[in-house]
């Protein structure tokens, strides 16, 4: 005799986990992001350490070495934006030029 499984016999389903709370920490480089981006644009080959050392020279005691990883993340974003522009911007401009030539 096989017993039918009722609601009480079923294994409880996993409860949905709540999202972890946002860190809420403010961007430690917010005040100097524009300046950092300007330096990066002028010399994109500079390393995160070189940019942080330059920042530390301009603002002594304000930006600790612990921000290297934060700056690395920022540089990764900026470098990927440049790469995206190089790849897709060139395709877009060629596409636009060919349509402009055809329309003439």
Protein backbone atom coordinates (compact mmCIF):
# COMPACT_ATOMS: atom_id res chain seq x y z
CA UNK A 1 0.00 0.00 0.00
CA UNK A 2 1.50 3.18 -1.11
CA UNK A 3 0.60 6.27 0.75
CA UNK A 4 -0.08 9.43 -1.18
CA UNK A 5 2.09 12.38 -0.33
CA UNK A 6 0.23 15.29 1.07
CA UNK A 7 1.34 18.83 1.69
CA UNK A 8 2.62 17.88 5.14
CA UNK A 9 4.86 15.17 3.69
CA UNK A 10 6.61 17.33 1.12
CA UNK A 11 10.05 18.62 1.82
CA UNK A 12 9.98 22.33 2.55
CA UNK A 13 11.02 24.43 -0.38
CA UNK A 14 14.09 26.57 -0.03
CA UNK A 15 13.16 30.05 1.01
CA UNK A 16 14.33 32.81 -1.24
CA UNK A 17 17.33 34.49 0.24
CA UNK A 18 17.19 38.17 0.88
CA UNK A 19 19.67 40.28 -1.05
CA UNK A 20 22.71 41.26 0.93
CA UNK A 21 22.54 44.84 2.10
CA UNK A 22 24.30 47.42 0.01
CA UNK A 23 27.67 48.37 1.35
CA UNK A 24 26.64 51.99 1.34
CA UNK A 25 30.22 53.13 1.37
CA UNK A 26 30.85 56.31 -0.52
CA UNK A 27 33.27 56.32 -3.44
CA UNK A 28 36.65 57.24 -1.91
CA UNK A 29 37.83 58.66 -5.24
CA UNK A 30 34.69 60.67 -6.02
CA UNK A 31 36.33 64.06 -5.50
CA UNK A 32 39.23 63.29 -7.82
CA UNK A 33 37.64 61.05 -10.45
CA UNK A 34 37.66 63.78 -13.11
CA UNK A 35 41.30 64.59 -12.38
CA UNK A 36 42.27 60.90 -12.48
CA UNK A 37 40.41 60.42 -15.75
CA UNK A 38 42.22 63.44 -17.22
CA UNK A 39 45.59 61.97 -16.22
CA UNK A 40 44.55 58.58 -17.58
CA UNK A 41 43.38 60.04 -20.89
CA UNK A 42 46.65 61.93 -21.33
CA UNK A 43 48.80 58.90 -20.47
CA UNK A 44 46.76 55.68 -20.70
CA UNK A 45 49.84 53.47 -20.25
CA UNK A 46 50.29 54.61 -16.65
CA UNK A 47 49.75 51.93 -14.03
CA UNK A 48 47.34 52.15 -11.13
CA UNK A 49 50.28 52.53 -8.76
CA UNK A 50 51.72 55.45 -10.76
CA UNK A 51 48.37 57.22 -10.81
CA UNK A 52 47.85 56.66 -7.09
CA UNK A 53 51.37 57.92 -6.31
CA UNK A 54 50.66 61.05 -8.34
CA UNK A 55 47.39 61.50 -6.47
CA UNK A 56 49.16 61.02 -3.14
CA UNK A 57 51.74 63.65 -4.13
CA UNK A 58 48.97 66.14 -4.96
CA UNK A 59 46.93 65.36 -1.83
CA UNK A 60 49.32 64.12 0.90
CA UNK A 61 47.67 61.92 3.50
CA UNK A 62 44.28 61.85 1.77
CA UNK A 63 44.47 58.72 -0.40
CA UNK A 64 46.05 55.63 1.22
CA UNK A 65 47.74 52.81 -0.68
CA UNK A 66 44.74 50.62 0.17
CA UNK A 67 42.90 52.30 -2.70
CA UNK A 68 45.01 50.49 -5.31
CA UNK A 69 42.31 47.88 -5.91
CA UNK A 70 39.61 50.55 -6.19
CA UNK A 71 41.72 52.44 -8.70
CA UNK A 72 42.39 49.20 -10.58
CA UNK A 73 38.65 48.66 -10.99
CA UNK A 74 38.25 52.21 -12.26
CA UNK A 75 41.07 51.79 -14.79
CA UNK A 76 39.55 48.52 -15.99
CA UNK A 77 36.31 50.33 -16.78
CA UNK A 78 38.08 53.19 -18.56
CA UNK A 79 40.29 50.84 -20.57
CA UNK A 80 37.31 48.74 -21.62
CA UNK A 81 35.52 51.91 -22.77
CA UNK A 82 38.53 52.83 -24.92
CA UNK A 83 38.71 49.31 -26.36
CA UNK A 84 34.98 49.35 -27.11
CA UNK A 85 35.32 52.67 -28.91
CA UNK A 86 38.30 51.40 -30.90
CA UNK A 87 36.45 48.28 -32.01
CA UNK A 88 32.89 49.45 -32.47
CA UNK A 89 33.57 53.11 -33.13
CA UNK A 90 35.68 52.21 -36.17
CA UNK A 91 32.97 49.90 -37.50
CA UNK A 92 30.31 52.54 -36.93
CA UNK A 93 32.31 55.28 -38.67
CA UNK A 94 33.04 53.02 -41.68
CA UNK A 95 29.35 52.12 -41.88
CA UNK A 96 28.36 55.79 -41.76
CA UNK A 97 30.93 56.79 -44.39
CA UNK A 98 29.76 54.08 -46.82
CA UNK A 99 26.14 55.28 -46.50
CA UNK A 100 27.16 58.90 -46.99
CA UNK A 101 29.15 57.99 -50.13
CA UNK A 102 26.23 55.99 -51.54
CA UNK A 103 23.83 58.88 -50.97
CA UNK A 104 25.96 61.37 -52.92
